[in-house]
Amino acid sequence: MKRPEQVIKEVSITEKSNILSSHLGQYTLSVHPDADKINIKHAVEKTFDVSVIRVNTLNRKGKRKADLRRRGKFGQKASSKRAIVTLKEGDVIEIV
């Protein structure tokens, strides 16, 4: 099992994630690609001192982009893994 600092990369702050956190108690995190749901749950509970009810994960494939330095040949942006964490009612993750 990885350390919590290695599992959680960052907390995503977008318009959609703000709506999820304020109405449903769900938070969106960028996580390590090898992390599974159990690792993510333990990392969030240790890092933010909250109780996690459910963890949903999704893999986002990197976009294909034209690279102008290589005369229009295509390159690939990095893929990422996200986790949507549902907390127990009353628990909050303080985001600055």
N, C-alpha and C. Protein backbone atom coordinates (compact mmCIF):
# COMPACT_ATOMS: atom_id res chain seq x y z
N MET A 1 0.84 -1.19 0.00
CA MET A 1 0.00 0.00 0.00
C MET A 1 0.88 1.25 0.00
N LYS A 2 0.53 2.20 -0.80
CA LYS A 2 1.28 3.44 -0.90
C LYS A 2 0.95 4.37 0.27
N ARG A 3 1.85 5.28 0.54
CA ARG A 3 1.60 6.27 1.58
C ARG A 3 0.53 7.25 1.09
N PRO A 4 -0.23 7.86 2.01
CA PRO A 4 -1.30 8.79 1.60
C PRO A 4 -0.81 9.95 0.75
N GLU A 5 0.42 10.41 0.97
CA GLU A 5 0.96 11.51 0.17
C GLU A 5 1.17 11.09 -1.28
N GLN A 6 1.42 9.79 -1.50
CA GLN A 6 1.64 9.31 -2.85
C GLN A 6 0.33 9.02 -3.58
N VAL A 7 -0.72 8.67 -2.84
CA VAL A 7 -1.99 8.30 -3.46
C VAL A 7 -2.73 9.54 -3.95
N ILE A 8 -2.87 10.56 -3.10
CA ILE A 8 -3.63 11.76 -3.45
C ILE A 8 -2.67 12.79 -4.06
N LYS A 9 -2.94 13.18 -5.30
CA LYS A 9 -2.12 14.20 -5.95
C LYS A 9 -2.63 15.60 -5.63
N GLU A 10 -3.94 15.83 -5.85
CA GLU A 10 -4.51 17.15 -5.58
C GLU A 10 -6.02 17.06 -5.49
N VAL A 11 -6.61 18.04 -4.85
CA VAL A 11 -8.07 18.16 -4.80
C VAL A 11 -8.49 19.05 -5.96
N SER A 12 -9.40 18.56 -6.77
CA SER A 12 -9.85 19.29 -7.96
C SER A 12 -10.87 20.35 -7.56
N ILE A 13 -10.62 21.58 -7.99
CA ILE A 13 -11.53 22.68 -7.70
C ILE A 13 -12.09 23.19 -9.02
N THR A 14 -13.30 22.73 -9.37
CA THR A 14 -13.98 23.17 -10.57
C THR A 14 -15.40 23.56 -10.18
N GLU A 15 -16.13 24.09 -11.13
CA GLU A 15 -17.52 24.48 -10.86
C GLU A 15 -18.36 23.25 -10.50
N LYS A 16 -18.17 22.17 -11.23
CA LYS A 16 -18.93 20.95 -10.97
C LYS A 16 -18.56 20.35 -9.61
N SER A 17 -17.27 20.34 -9.27
CA SER A 17 -16.87 19.77 -7.98
C SER A 17 -17.36 20.62 -6.82
N ASN A 18 -17.47 21.94 -7.00
CA ASN A 18 -18.01 22.80 -5.95
C ASN A 18 -19.49 22.50 -5.70
N ILE A 19 -20.25 22.24 -6.77
CA ILE A 19 -21.65 21.90 -6.63
C ILE A 19 -21.80 20.55 -5.93
N LEU A 20 -20.97 19.57 -6.32
CA LEU A 20 -21.03 18.25 -5.68
C LEU A 20 -20.71 18.33 -4.20
N SER A 21 -19.70 19.12 -3.84
CA SER A 21 -19.30 19.19 -2.44
C SER A 21 -20.33 19.93 -1.60
N SER A 22 -20.96 20.96 -2.14
CA SER A 22 -21.90 21.73 -1.32
C SER A 22 -23.25 21.02 -1.16
N HIS A 23 -23.70 20.29 -2.18
CA HIS A 23 -25.01 19.66 -2.11
C HIS A 23 -24.98 18.20 -1.69
N LEU A 24 -23.98 17.44 -2.13
CA LEU A 24 -23.97 16.00 -1.91
C LEU A 24 -22.85 15.50 -1.00
N GLY A 25 -21.93 16.36 -0.62
CA GLY A 25 -20.82 15.93 0.22
C GLY A 25 -19.81 15.08 -0.53
N GLN A 26 -19.68 15.31 -1.84
CA GLN A 26 -18.73 14.57 -2.66
C GLN A 26 -17.58 15.48 -3.07
N TYR A 27 -16.37 14.93 -3.07
CA TYR A 27 -15.18 15.69 -3.44
C TYR A 27 -14.44 14.97 -4.54
N THR A 28 -13.88 15.73 -5.48
CA THR A 28 -13.15 15.16 -6.61
C THR A 28 -11.66 15.32 -6.37
N LEU A 29 -10.92 14.21 -6.51
CA LEU A 29 -9.48 14.20 -6.27
C LEU A 29 -8.76 13.63 -7.47
N SER A 30 -7.58 14.14 -7.78
CA SER A 30 -6.68 13.49 -8.73
C SER A 30 -5.83 12.52 -7.93
N VAL A 31 -5.76 11.28 -8.38
CA VAL A 31 -5.04 10.25 -7.62
C VAL A 31 -4.02 9.55 -8.50
N HIS A 32 -3.15 8.78 -7.86
CA HIS A 32 -2.12 8.00 -8.55
C HIS A 32 -2.81 6.94 -9.41
N PRO A 33 -2.31 6.71 -10.64
CA PRO A 33 -2.96 5.75 -11.54
C PRO A 33 -3.04 4.32 -11.01
N ASP A 34 -2.13 3.93 -10.13
CA ASP A 34 -2.14 2.56 -9.60
C ASP A 34 -2.98 2.42 -8.34
N ALA A 35 -3.53 3.50 -7.83
CA ALA A 35 -4.29 3.44 -6.58
C ALA A 35 -5.65 2.79 -6.82
N ASP A 36 -6.06 1.93 -5.88
CA ASP A 36 -7.39 1.35 -5.97
C ASP A 36 -8.30 2.03 -4.95
N LYS A 37 -9.57 1.62 -4.92
CA LYS A 37 -10.56 2.29 -4.09
C LYS A 37 -10.24 2.20 -2.61
N ILE A 38 -9.71 1.07 -2.17
CA ILE A 38 -9.38 0.90 -0.75
C ILE A 38 -8.23 1.81 -0.36
N ASN A 39 -7.19 1.90 -1.21
CA ASN A 39 -6.06 2.80 -0.93
C ASN A 39 -6.52 4.25 -0.88
N ILE A 40 -7.41 4.63 -1.80
CA ILE A 40 -7.90 6.00 -1.83
C ILE A 40 -8.70 6.31 -0.58
N LYS A 41 -9.55 5.38 -0.16
CA LYS A 41 -10.35 5.57 1.05
C LYS A 41 -9.47 5.78 2.28
N HIS A 42 -8.47 4.92 2.46
CA HIS A 42 -7.57 5.05 3.62
C HIS A 42 -6.77 6.35 3.57
N ALA A 43 -6.33 6.74 2.37
CA ALA A 43 -5.54 7.97 2.23
C ALA A 43 -6.37 9.20 2.58
N VAL A 44 -7.62 9.24 2.12
CA VAL A 44 -8.48 10.40 2.41
C VAL A 44 -8.81 10.45 3.90
N GLU A 45 -9.09 9.30 4.50
CA GLU A 45 -9.43 9.28 5.93
C GLU A 45 -8.24 9.72 6.78
N LYS A 46 -7.02 9.29 6.42
CA LYS A 46 -5.84 9.68 7.20
C LYS A 46 -5.46 11.14 6.97
N THR A 47 -5.52 11.59 5.73
CA THR A 47 -5.07 12.93 5.39
C THR A 47 -6.01 14.01 5.92
N PHE A 48 -7.32 13.84 5.71
CA PHE A 48 -8.28 14.88 6.04
C PHE A 48 -9.08 14.62 7.31
N ASP A 49 -8.88 13.47 7.96
CA ASP A 49 -9.55 13.11 9.21
C ASP A 49 -11.08 13.16 9.06
N VAL A 50 -11.59 12.44 8.06
CA VAL A 50 -13.02 12.36 7.77
C VAL A 50 -13.40 10.89 7.60
N SER A 51 -14.71 10.61 7.54
CA SER A 51 -15.20 9.26 7.30
C SER A 51 -15.70 9.16 5.85
N VAL A 52 -15.18 8.18 5.12
CA VAL A 52 -15.54 8.00 3.72
C VAL A 52 -16.60 6.91 3.62
N ILE A 53 -17.68 7.21 2.91
CA ILE A 53 -18.75 6.23 2.69
C ILE A 53 -18.52 5.46 1.40
N ARG A 54 -18.19 6.18 0.30
CA ARG A 54 -18.09 5.55 -1.00
C ARG A 54 -16.99 6.21 -1.82
N VAL A 55 -16.34 5.42 -2.67
CA VAL A 55 -15.31 5.94 -3.58
C VAL A 55 -15.64 5.46 -4.99
N ASN A 56 -15.77 6.39 -5.92
CA ASN A 56 -15.94 6.08 -7.34
C ASN A 56 -14.70 6.56 -8.07
N THR A 57 -14.18 5.74 -8.98
CA THR A 57 -12.98 6.12 -9.73
C THR A 57 -13.28 6.17 -11.22
N LEU A 58 -12.49 6.98 -11.93
CA LEU A 58 -12.60 7.03 -13.38
C LEU A 58 -11.23 7.35 -13.96
N ASN A 59 -10.96 6.72 -15.10
CA ASN A 59 -9.71 6.96 -15.82
C ASN A 59 -10.01 7.88 -16.99
N ARG A 60 -9.24 8.94 -17.10
CA ARG A 60 -9.42 9.89 -18.20
C ARG A 60 -8.24 9.73 -19.16
N LYS A 61 -8.56 9.37 -20.39
CA LYS A 61 -7.53 9.17 -21.39
C LYS A 61 -7.01 10.52 -21.87
N GLY A 62 -5.69 10.62 -22.07
CA GLY A 62 -5.07 11.85 -22.54
C GLY A 62 -5.49 12.18 -23.96
N LYS A 63 -5.63 13.45 -24.25
CA LYS A 63 -6.07 13.88 -25.57
C LYS A 63 -4.92 13.81 -26.58
N ARG A 64 -5.29 13.60 -27.83
CA ARG A 64 -4.32 13.60 -28.92
C ARG A 64 -4.19 15.03 -29.43
N LYS A 65 -2.98 15.53 -29.46
CA LYS A 65 -2.74 16.91 -29.87
C LYS A 65 -1.67 16.98 -30.94
N ALA A 66 -1.79 17.96 -31.83
CA ALA A 66 -0.76 18.19 -32.85
C ALA A 66 0.42 18.90 -32.19
N ASP A 67 1.60 18.42 -32.47
CA ASP A 67 2.82 19.00 -31.91
C ASP A 67 3.49 19.83 -33.01
N LEU A 68 3.46 21.16 -32.86
CA LEU A 68 3.98 22.04 -33.90
C LEU A 68 5.49 21.98 -34.02
N ARG A 69 6.17 21.59 -32.96
CA ARG A 69 7.63 21.49 -33.03
C ARG A 69 8.06 20.31 -33.90
N ARG A 70 7.16 19.33 -34.02
CA ARG A 70 7.49 18.16 -34.85
C ARG A 70 6.73 18.21 -36.18
N ARG A 71 6.46 19.40 -36.66
CA ARG A 71 5.83 19.65 -37.96
C ARG A 71 4.47 18.97 -38.10
N GLY A 72 3.63 19.18 -37.08
CA GLY A 72 2.25 18.71 -37.18
C GLY A 72 2.01 17.26 -36.85
N LYS A 73 3.05 16.55 -36.45
CA LYS A 73 2.84 15.16 -36.04
C LYS A 73 2.13 15.15 -34.70
N PHE A 74 1.42 14.08 -34.43
CA PHE A 74 0.61 14.04 -33.24
C PHE A 74 1.36 13.50 -32.04
N GLY A 75 1.02 14.07 -30.89
CA GLY A 75 1.54 13.62 -29.62
C GLY A 75 0.37 13.28 -28.71
N GLN A 76 0.67 12.90 -27.49
CA GLN A 76 -0.37 12.49 -26.56
C GLN A 76 -0.18 13.23 -25.24
N LYS A 77 -1.27 13.82 -24.72
CA LYS A 77 -1.22 14.40 -23.38
C LYS A 77 -1.32 13.27 -22.37
N ALA A 78 -0.91 13.51 -21.16
CA ALA A 78 -0.89 12.48 -20.14
C ALA A 78 -2.31 12.08 -19.72
N SER A 79 -2.51 10.79 -19.48
CA SER A 79 -3.78 10.29 -18.95
C SER A 79 -3.78 10.52 -17.44
N SER A 80 -4.99 10.51 -16.85
CA SER A 80 -5.07 10.74 -15.42
C SER A 80 -6.18 9.89 -14.81
N LYS A 81 -6.12 9.74 -13.51
CA LYS A 81 -7.14 8.99 -12.78
C LYS A 81 -7.76 9.93 -11.77
N ARG A 82 -9.09 9.92 -11.69
CA ARG A 82 -9.82 10.76 -10.75
C ARG A 82 -10.60 9.88 -9.80
N ALA A 83 -10.87 10.40 -8.62
CA ALA A 83 -11.71 9.70 -7.65
C ALA A 83 -12.74 10.69 -7.12
N ILE A 84 -13.99 10.24 -7.05
CA ILE A 84 -15.06 11.02 -6.44
C ILE A 84 -15.38 10.35 -5.12
N VAL A 85 -15.12 11.07 -4.03
CA VAL A 85 -15.24 10.51 -2.68
C VAL A 85 -16.48 11.08 -2.01
N THR A 86 -17.34 10.21 -1.49
CA THR A 86 -18.52 10.63 -0.76
C THR A 86 -18.23 10.51 0.74
N LEU A 87 -18.44 11.61 1.47
CA LEU A 87 -18.16 11.63 2.90
C LEU A 87 -19.43 11.45 3.72
N LYS A 88 -19.23 11.05 4.98
CA LYS A 88 -20.35 10.92 5.89
C LYS A 88 -20.97 12.30 6.11
N GLU A 89 -22.26 12.34 6.32
CA GLU A 89 -22.97 13.61 6.49
C GLU A 89 -22.38 14.39 7.68
N GLY A 90 -22.05 15.64 7.43
CA GLY A 90 -21.45 16.48 8.46
C GLY A 90 -19.95 16.64 8.33
N ASP A 91 -19.28 15.72 7.62
CA ASP A 91 -17.83 15.82 7.40
C ASP A 91 -17.57 16.74 6.21
N VAL A 92 -16.47 17.51 6.31
CA VAL A 92 -16.11 18.43 5.25
C VAL A 92 -14.60 18.39 5.05
N ILE A 93 -14.15 18.59 3.82
CA ILE A 93 -12.73 18.78 3.53
C ILE A 93 -12.55 20.27 3.30
N GLU A 94 -11.71 20.89 4.11
CA GLU A 94 -11.47 22.34 4.01
C GLU A 94 -10.53 22.59 2.84
N ILE A 95 -11.03 23.29 1.82
CA ILE A 95 -10.23 23.66 0.66
C ILE A 95 -9.99 25.15 0.70
N VAL A 96 -8.73 25.54 0.60
CA VAL A 96 -8.38 26.96 0.70
C VAL A 96 -8.72 27.68 -0.58
